[in-house]
């Protein structure tokens, strides 16, 4: 359900132990309460799905929905 409001696009970072995924989402500033932007339920579900896919290592899905950064193992110090 879309709330009548102003919409603001922002990039959110979802971090797991192996990946950081940058995805674009909409923040909503409701007409009834402009004090703080919020997410609609669909956006929250999408962010949860991104985290689940990142934890599962589903790179093809992640690359289709945002920018994916993968952690690298630090080189051992001799």
PDB file of N, CA and C in Angstrom:
ATOM      1  N   UNK A   1       0.844  -1.171   0.000  1.00  0.00           N
ATOM      2  CA  UNK A   1       0.000   0.000   0.000  1.00  0.00           C
ATOM      3  C   UNK A   1       0.893   1.239   0.000  1.00  0.00           C
ATOM      4  N   UNK A   2       0.663   2.114  -0.930  1.00  0.00           N
ATOM      5  CA  UNK A   2       1.454   3.335  -1.021  1.00  0.00           C
ATOM      6  C   UNK A   2       0.814   4.440  -0.210  1.00  0.00           C
ATOM      7  N   UNK A   3       1.617   5.030   0.642  1.00  0.00           N
ATOM      8  CA  UNK A   3       1.172   6.108   1.514  1.00  0.00           C
ATOM      9  C   UNK A   3       1.294   7.424   0.745  1.00  0.00           C
ATOM     10  N   UNK A   4       0.245   8.286   0.780  1.00  0.00           N
ATOM     11  CA  UNK A   4       0.377   9.590   0.124  1.00  0.00           C
ATOM     12  C   UNK A   4       1.469  10.409   0.810  1.00  0.00           C
ATOM     13  N   UNK A   5       2.504  10.757   0.034  1.00  0.00           N
ATOM     14  CA  UNK A   5       3.653  11.382   0.662  1.00  0.00           C
ATOM     15  C   UNK A   5       4.664  11.843  -0.364  1.00  0.00           C
ATOM     16  N   UNK A   6       5.704  12.471   0.153  1.00  0.00           N
ATOM     17  CA  UNK A   6       6.870  12.801  -0.652  1.00  0.00           C
ATOM     18  C   UNK A   6       7.800  11.592  -0.618  1.00  0.00           C
ATOM     19  N   UNK A   7       8.479  11.331  -1.702  1.00  0.00           N
ATOM     20  CA  UNK A   7       9.387  10.188  -1.781  1.00  0.00           C
ATOM     21  C   UNK A   7      10.808  10.678  -2.009  1.00  0.00           C
ATOM     22  N   UNK A   8      11.743  10.054  -1.304  1.00  0.00           N
ATOM     23  CA  UNK A   8      13.151  10.422  -1.401  1.00  0.00           C
ATOM     24  C   UNK A   8      13.946   9.158  -1.723  1.00  0.00           C
ATOM     25  N   UNK A   9      14.740   9.187  -2.777  1.00  0.00           N
ATOM     26  CA  UNK A   9      15.577   8.030  -3.113  1.00  0.00           C
ATOM     27  C   UNK A   9      16.888   8.112  -2.350  1.00  0.00           C
ATOM     28  N   UNK A  10      17.290   6.980  -1.772  1.00  0.00           N
ATOM     29  CA  UNK A  10      18.546   6.883  -1.040  1.00  0.00           C
ATOM     30  C   UNK A  10      19.184   5.527  -1.310  1.00  0.00           C
ATOM     31  N   UNK A  11      20.482   5.467  -1.141  1.00  0.00           N
ATOM     32  CA  UNK A  11      21.202   4.201  -1.249  1.00  0.00           C
ATOM     33  C   UNK A  11      21.413   3.666   0.155  1.00  0.00           C
ATOM     34  N   UNK A  12      21.091   2.411   0.358  1.00  0.00           N
ATOM     35  CA  UNK A  12      21.270   1.753   1.650  1.00  0.00           C
ATOM     36  C   UNK A  12      22.287   0.633   1.484  1.00  0.00           C
ATOM     37  N   UNK A  13      23.116   0.448   2.491  1.00  0.00           N
ATOM     38  CA  UNK A  13      24.126  -0.599   2.478  1.00  0.00           C
ATOM     39  C   UNK A  13      23.690  -1.736   3.381  1.00  0.00           C
ATOM     40  N   UNK A  14      23.696  -2.931   2.839  1.00  0.00           N
ATOM     41  CA  UNK A  14      23.371  -4.138   3.600  1.00  0.00           C
ATOM     42  C   UNK A  14      24.675  -4.907   3.756  1.00  0.00           C
ATOM     43  N   UNK A  15      25.097  -5.135   4.993  1.00  0.00           N
ATOM     44  CA  UNK A  15      26.386  -5.768   5.251  1.00  0.00           C
ATOM     45  C   UNK A  15      26.201  -7.146   5.863  1.00  0.00           C
ATOM     46  N   UNK A  16      26.939  -8.111   5.299  1.00  0.00           N
ATOM     47  CA  UNK A  16      27.035  -9.446   5.892  1.00  0.00           C
ATOM     48  C   UNK A  16      28.518  -9.719   6.117  1.00  0.00           C
ATOM     49  N   UNK A  17      28.855 -10.888   6.598  1.00  0.00           N
ATOM     50  CA  UNK A  17      30.263 -11.182   6.861  1.00  0.00           C
ATOM     51  C   UNK A  17      31.084 -11.248   5.574  1.00  0.00           C
ATOM     52  N   UNK A  18      30.439 -11.528   4.443  1.00  0.00           N
ATOM     53  CA  UNK A  18      31.162 -11.686   3.176  1.00  0.00           C
ATOM     54  C   UNK A  18      30.933 -10.549   2.183  1.00  0.00           C
ATOM     55  N   UNK A  19      29.759  -9.916   2.211  1.00  0.00           N
ATOM     56  CA  UNK A  19      29.404  -8.918   1.218  1.00  0.00           C
ATOM     57  C   UNK A  19      28.882  -7.632   1.852  1.00  0.00           C
ATOM     58  N   UNK A  20      29.005  -6.548   1.078  1.00  0.00           N
ATOM     59  CA  UNK A  20      28.270  -5.319   1.323  1.00  0.00           C
ATOM     60  C   UNK A  20      27.524  -5.058   0.022  1.00  0.00           C
ATOM     61  N   UNK A  21      26.216  -4.869   0.118  1.00  0.00           N
ATOM     62  CA  UNK A  21      25.393  -4.646  -1.068  1.00  0.00           C
ATOM     63  C   UNK A  21      24.776  -3.256  -0.957  1.00  0.00           C
ATOM     64  N   UNK A  22      24.984  -2.437  -2.003  1.00  0.00           N
ATOM     65  CA  UNK A  22      24.403  -1.095  -2.063  1.00  0.00           C
ATOM     66  C   UNK A  22      23.161  -1.160  -2.937  1.00  0.00           C
ATOM     67  N   UNK A  23      22.010  -0.839  -2.359  1.00  0.00           N
ATOM     68  CA  UNK A  23      20.749  -0.858  -3.105  1.00  0.00           C
ATOM     69  C   UNK A  23      20.050   0.486  -2.968  1.00  0.00           C
ATOM     70  N   UNK A  24      19.359   0.877  -4.034  1.00  0.00           N
ATOM     71  CA  UNK A  24      18.585   2.112  -4.015  1.00  0.00           C
ATOM     72  C   UNK A  24      17.173   1.811  -3.535  1.00  0.00           C
ATOM     73  N   UNK A  25      16.690   2.601  -2.595  1.00  0.00           N
ATOM     74  CA  UNK A  25      15.340   2.440  -2.054  1.00  0.00           C
ATOM     75  C   UNK A  25      14.689   3.814  -1.928  1.00  0.00           C
ATOM     76  N   UNK A  26      13.384   3.796  -1.690  1.00  0.00           N
ATOM     77  CA  UNK A  26      12.648   5.035  -1.457  1.00  0.00           C
ATOM     78  C   UNK A  26      12.322   5.180   0.016  1.00  0.00           C
ATOM     79  N   UNK A  27      12.635   6.354   0.545  1.00  0.00           N
ATOM     80  CA  UNK A  27      12.165   6.725   1.877  1.00  0.00           C
ATOM     81  C   UNK A  27      10.888   7.530   1.678  1.00  0.00           C
ATOM     82  N   UNK A  28       9.971   7.400   2.598  1.00  0.00           N
ATOM     83  CA  UNK A  28       8.677   8.063   2.506  1.00  0.00           C
ATOM     84  C   UNK A  28       8.576   9.108   3.616  1.00  0.00           C
ATOM     85  N   UNK A  29       8.160  10.304   3.235  1.00  0.00           N
ATOM     86  CA  UNK A  29       7.880  11.353   4.216  1.00  0.00           C
ATOM     87  C   UNK A  29       6.366  11.546   4.184  1.00  0.00           C
ATOM     88  N   UNK A  30       5.632  10.904   5.107  1.00  0.00           N
ATOM     89  CA  UNK A  30       4.167  10.981   5.091  1.00  0.00           C
ATOM     90  C   UNK A  30       3.665  12.411   5.230  1.00  0.00           C
ATOM     91  N   UNK A  31       2.595  12.716   4.526  1.00  0.00           N
ATOM     92  CA  UNK A  31       1.993  14.049   4.610  1.00  0.00           C
ATOM     93  C   UNK A  31       1.507  14.355   6.024  1.00  0.00           C
ATOM     94  N   UNK A  32       1.082  13.328   6.761  1.00  0.00           N
ATOM     95  CA  UNK A  32       0.544  13.519   8.107  1.00  0.00           C
ATOM     96  C   UNK A  32       1.618  13.759   9.170  1.00  0.00           C
ATOM     97  N   UNK A  33       2.855  13.278   8.904  1.00  0.00           N
ATOM     98  CA  UNK A  33       3.928  13.424   9.886  1.00  0.00           C
ATOM     99  C   UNK A  33       5.246  13.574   9.143  1.00  0.00           C
ATOM    100  N   UNK A  34       5.667  14.793   8.935  1.00  0.00           N
ATOM    101  CA  UNK A  34       6.883  15.048   8.162  1.00  0.00           C
ATOM    102  C   UNK A  34       8.139  15.062   9.025  1.00  0.00           C
ATOM    103  N   UNK A  35       8.016  14.670  10.286  1.00  0.00           N
ATOM    104  CA  UNK A  35       9.151  14.748  11.202  1.00  0.00           C
ATOM    105  C   UNK A  35      10.250  13.741  10.890  1.00  0.00           C
ATOM    106  N   UNK A  36       9.887  12.595  10.302  1.00  0.00           N
ATOM    107  CA  UNK A  36      10.909  11.580  10.062  1.00  0.00           C
ATOM    108  C   UNK A  36      10.534  10.692   8.880  1.00  0.00           C
ATOM    109  N   UNK A  37      11.458  10.537   7.914  1.00  0.00           N
ATOM    110  CA  UNK A  37      11.201   9.617   6.800  1.00  0.00           C
ATOM    111  C   UNK A  37      11.125   8.176   7.305  1.00  0.00           C
ATOM    112  N   UNK A  38      10.398   7.344   6.578  1.00  0.00           N
ATOM    113  CA  UNK A  38      10.269   5.940   6.960  1.00  0.00           C
ATOM    114  C   UNK A  38      10.227   5.082   5.699  1.00  0.00           C
ATOM    115  N   UNK A  39      10.194   3.769   5.891  1.00  0.00           N
ATOM    116  CA  UNK A  39      10.084   2.820   4.786  1.00  0.00           C
ATOM    117  C   UNK A  39       8.663   2.286   4.723  1.00  0.00           C
ATOM    118  N   UNK A  40       8.220   1.963   3.513  1.00  0.00           N
ATOM    119  CA  UNK A  40       6.965   1.227   3.375  1.00  0.00           C
ATOM    120  C   UNK A  40       7.267  -0.252   3.566  1.00  0.00           C
ATOM    121  N   UNK A  41       6.246  -1.041   3.807  1.00  0.00           N
ATOM    122  CA  UNK A  41       6.417  -2.469   4.089  1.00  0.00           C
ATOM    123  C   UNK A  41       7.146  -3.190   2.948  1.00  0.00           C
ATOM    124  N   UNK A  42       6.852  -2.831   1.708  1.00  0.00           N
ATOM    125  CA  UNK A  42       7.494  -3.473   0.558  1.00  0.00           C
ATOM    126  C   UNK A  42       9.004  -3.230   0.562  1.00  0.00           C
ATOM    127  N   UNK A  43       9.405  -2.046   0.972  1.00  0.00           N
ATOM    128  CA  UNK A  43      10.824  -1.718   1.024  1.00  0.00           C
ATOM    129  C   UNK A  43      11.519  -2.518   2.119  1.00  0.00           C
ATOM    130  N   UNK A  44      10.867  -2.649   3.261  1.00  0.00           N
ATOM    131  CA  UNK A  44      11.434  -3.441   4.356  1.00  0.00           C
ATOM    132  C   UNK A  44      11.603  -4.892   3.914  1.00  0.00           C
ATOM    133  N   UNK A  45      10.607  -5.436   3.235  1.00  0.00           N
ATOM    134  CA  UNK A  45      10.701  -6.817   2.734  1.00  0.00           C
ATOM    135  C   UNK A  45      11.851  -6.952   1.746  1.00  0.00           C
ATOM    136  N   UNK A  46      12.015  -5.961   0.854  1.00  0.00           N
ATOM    137  CA  UNK A  46      13.100  -5.987  -0.117  1.00  0.00           C
ATOM    138  C   UNK A  46      14.455  -5.977   0.588  1.00  0.00           C
ATOM    139  N   UNK A  47      14.625  -5.127   1.599  1.00  0.00           N
ATOM    140  CA  UNK A  47      15.889  -5.077   2.327  1.00  0.00           C
ATOM    141  C   UNK A  47      16.176  -6.399   3.039  1.00  0.00           C
ATOM    142  N   UNK A  48      15.146  -7.027   3.572  1.00  0.00           N
ATOM    143  CA  UNK A  48      15.321  -8.353   4.193  1.00  0.00           C
ATOM    144  C   UNK A  48      15.740  -9.383   3.154  1.00  0.00           C
ATOM    145  N   UNK A  49      15.119  -9.308   1.972  1.00  0.00           N
ATOM    146  CA  UNK A  49      15.450 -10.246   0.896  1.00  0.00           C
ATOM    147  C   UNK A  49      16.898 -10.052   0.444  1.00  0.00           C
ATOM    148  N   UNK A  50      17.350  -8.824   0.357  1.00  0.00           N
ATOM    149  CA  UNK A  50      18.737  -8.550  -0.011  1.00  0.00           C
ATOM    150  C   UNK A  50      19.670  -9.192   1.014  1.00  0.00           C
ATOM    151  N   UNK A  51      19.380  -9.017   2.302  1.00  0.00           N
ATOM    152  CA  UNK A  51      20.222  -9.624   3.343  1.00  0.00           C
ATOM    153  C   UNK A  51      20.234 -11.152   3.219  1.00  0.00           C
ATOM    154  N   UNK A  52      19.074 -11.756   3.008  1.00  0.00           N
ATOM    155  CA  UNK A  52      18.998 -13.214   2.875  1.00  0.00           C
ATOM    156  C   UNK A  52      19.801 -13.704   1.675  1.00  0.00           C
ATOM    157  N   UNK A  53      19.677 -13.013   0.553  1.00  0.00           N
ATOM    158  CA  UNK A  53      20.418 -13.406  -0.652  1.00  0.00           C
ATOM    159  C   UNK A  53      21.917 -13.219  -0.452  1.00  0.00           C
ATOM    160  N   UNK A  54      22.316 -12.164   0.254  1.00  0.00           N
ATOM    161  CA  UNK A  54      23.737 -11.938   0.526  1.00  0.00           C
ATOM    162  C   UNK A  54      24.283 -13.025   1.446  1.00  0.00           C
ATOM    163  N   UNK A  55      23.517 -13.388   2.461  1.00  0.00           N
ATOM    164  CA  UNK A  55      23.959 -14.450   3.371  1.00  0.00           C
ATOM    165  C   UNK A  55      24.056 -15.791   2.659  1.00  0.00           C
ATOM    166  N   UNK A  56      23.193 -16.006   1.646  1.00  0.00           N
ATOM    167  CA  UNK A  56      23.217 -17.252   0.880  1.00  0.00           C
ATOM    168  C   UNK A  56      24.270 -17.222  -0.229  1.00  0.00           C
ATOM    169  N   UNK A  57      24.851 -16.050  -0.507  1.00  0.00           N
ATOM    170  CA  UNK A  57      25.867 -15.944  -1.547  1.00  0.00           C
ATOM    171  C   UNK A  57      25.314 -15.933  -2.962  1.00  0.00           C
ATOM    172  N   UNK A  58      24.084 -15.489  -3.141  1.00  0.00           N
ATOM    173  CA  UNK A  58      23.428 -15.468  -4.457  1.00  0.00           C
ATOM    174  C   UNK A  58      23.867 -14.231  -5.254  1.00  0.00           C
ATOM    175  N   UNK A  59      25.075 -14.296  -5.823  1.00  0.00           N
ATOM    176  CA  UNK A  59      25.654 -13.147  -6.511  1.00  0.00           C
ATOM    177  C   UNK A  59      24.849 -12.705  -7.726  1.00  0.00           C
ATOM    178  N   UNK A  60      24.327 -13.637  -8.504  1.00  0.00           N
ATOM    179  CA  UNK A  60      23.557 -13.250  -9.694  1.00  0.00           C
ATOM    180  C   UNK A  60      22.356 -12.399  -9.311  1.00  0.00           C
ATOM    181  N   UNK A  61      21.619 -12.795  -8.285  1.00  0.00           N
ATOM    182  CA  UNK A  61      20.465 -12.019  -7.840  1.00  0.00           C
ATOM    183  C   UNK A  61      20.901 -10.667  -7.304  1.00  0.00           C
ATOM    184  N   UNK A  62      21.934 -10.658  -6.481  1.00  0.00           N
ATOM    185  CA  UNK A  62      22.415  -9.421  -5.876  1.00  0.00           C
ATOM    186  C   UNK A  62      22.870  -8.419  -6.932  1.00  0.00           C
ATOM    187  N   UNK A  63      23.624  -8.893  -7.936  1.00  0.00           N
ATOM    188  CA  UNK A  63      24.116  -8.001  -8.991  1.00  0.00           C
ATOM    189  C   UNK A  63      22.971  -7.412  -9.808  1.00  0.00           C
ATOM    190  N   UNK A  64      21.855  -8.096  -9.870  1.00  0.00           N
ATOM    191  CA  UNK A  64      20.694  -7.586 -10.580  1.00  0.00           C
ATOM    192  C   UNK A  64      19.916  -6.534  -9.809  1.00  0.00           C
ATOM    193  N   UNK A  65      20.222  -6.379  -8.517  1.00  0.00           N
ATOM    194  CA  UNK A  65      19.461  -5.457  -7.672  1.00  0.00           C
ATOM    195  C   UNK A  65      20.307  -4.356  -7.035  1.00  0.00           C
ATOM    196  N   UNK A  66      21.618  -4.415  -7.199  1.00  0.00           N
ATOM    197  CA  UNK A  66      22.455  -3.376  -6.602  1.00  0.00           C
ATOM    198  C   UNK A  66      23.919  -3.611  -6.914  1.00  0.00           C
ATOM    199  N   UNK A  67      24.764  -2.856  -6.264  1.00  0.00           N
ATOM    200  CA  UNK A  67      26.212  -3.017  -6.393  1.00  0.00           C
ATOM    201  C   UNK A  67      26.688  -3.917  -5.269  1.00  0.00           C
ATOM    202  N   UNK A  68      27.545  -4.861  -5.617  1.00  0.00           N
ATOM    203  CA  UNK A  68      28.002  -5.848  -4.639  1.00  0.00           C
ATOM    204  C   UNK A  68      29.500  -5.669  -4.409  1.00  0.00           C
ATOM    205  N   UNK A  69      29.869  -5.603  -3.145  1.00  0.00           N
ATOM    206  CA  UNK A  69      31.270  -5.518  -2.748  1.00  0.00           C
ATOM    207  C   UNK A  69      31.563  -6.741  -1.903  1.00  0.00           C
ATOM    208  N   UNK A  70      32.669  -7.433  -2.223  1.00  0.00           N
ATOM    209  CA  UNK A  70      33.012  -8.651  -1.498  1.00  0.00           C
ATOM    210  C   UNK A  70      34.239  -8.414  -0.640  1.00  0.00           C
ATOM    211  N   UNK A  71      34.188  -8.899   0.585  1.00  0.00           N
ATOM    212  CA  UNK A  71      35.327  -8.788   1.491  1.00  0.00           C
ATOM    213  C   UNK A  71      36.451  -9.693   1.013  1.00  0.00           C
ATOM    214  N   UNK A  72      37.644  -9.240   1.210  1.00  0.00           N
ATOM    215  CA  UNK A  72      38.799 -10.075   0.882  1.00  0.00           C
ATOM    216  C   UNK A  72      39.524 -10.386   2.178  1.00  0.00           C
ATOM    217  N   UNK A  73      40.173 -11.525   2.186  1.00  0.00           N
ATOM    218  CA  UNK A  73      40.921 -11.923   3.384  1.00  0.00           C
ATOM    219  C   UNK A  73      42.193 -11.097   3.469  1.00  0.00           C
ATOM    220  N   UNK A  74      42.507 -10.598   4.651  1.00  0.00           N
ATOM    221  CA  UNK A  74      43.744  -9.816   4.791  1.00  0.00           C
ATOM    222  C   UNK A  74      44.961 -10.718   4.574  1.00  0.00           C
ATOM    223  N   UNK A  75      45.975 -10.121   3.997  1.00  0.00           N
ATOM    224  CA  UNK A  75      47.212 -10.898   3.785  1.00  0.00           C
ATOM    225  C   UNK A  75      47.860 -11.132   5.142  1.00  0.00           C
ATOM    226  N   UNK A  76      48.442 -12.307   5.277  1.00  0.00           N
ATOM    227  CA  UNK A  76      49.092 -12.592   6.556  1.00  0.00           C
ATOM    228  C   UNK A  76      50.374 -11.776   6.662  1.00  0.00           C
ATOM    229  N   UNK A  77      50.634 -11.327   7.873  1.00  0.00           N
ATOM    230  CA  UNK A  77      51.824 -10.510   8.124  1.00  0.00           C
ATOM    231  C   UNK A  77      52.969 -11.445   8.459  1.00  0.00           C
ATOM    232  N   UNK A  78      54.077 -11.299   7.752  1.00  0.00           N
ATOM    233  CA  UNK A  78      55.221 -12.182   7.951  1.00  0.00           C
ATOM    234  C   UNK A  78      56.113 -11.696   9.054  1.00  0.00           C
TER     235      UNK A  78
END
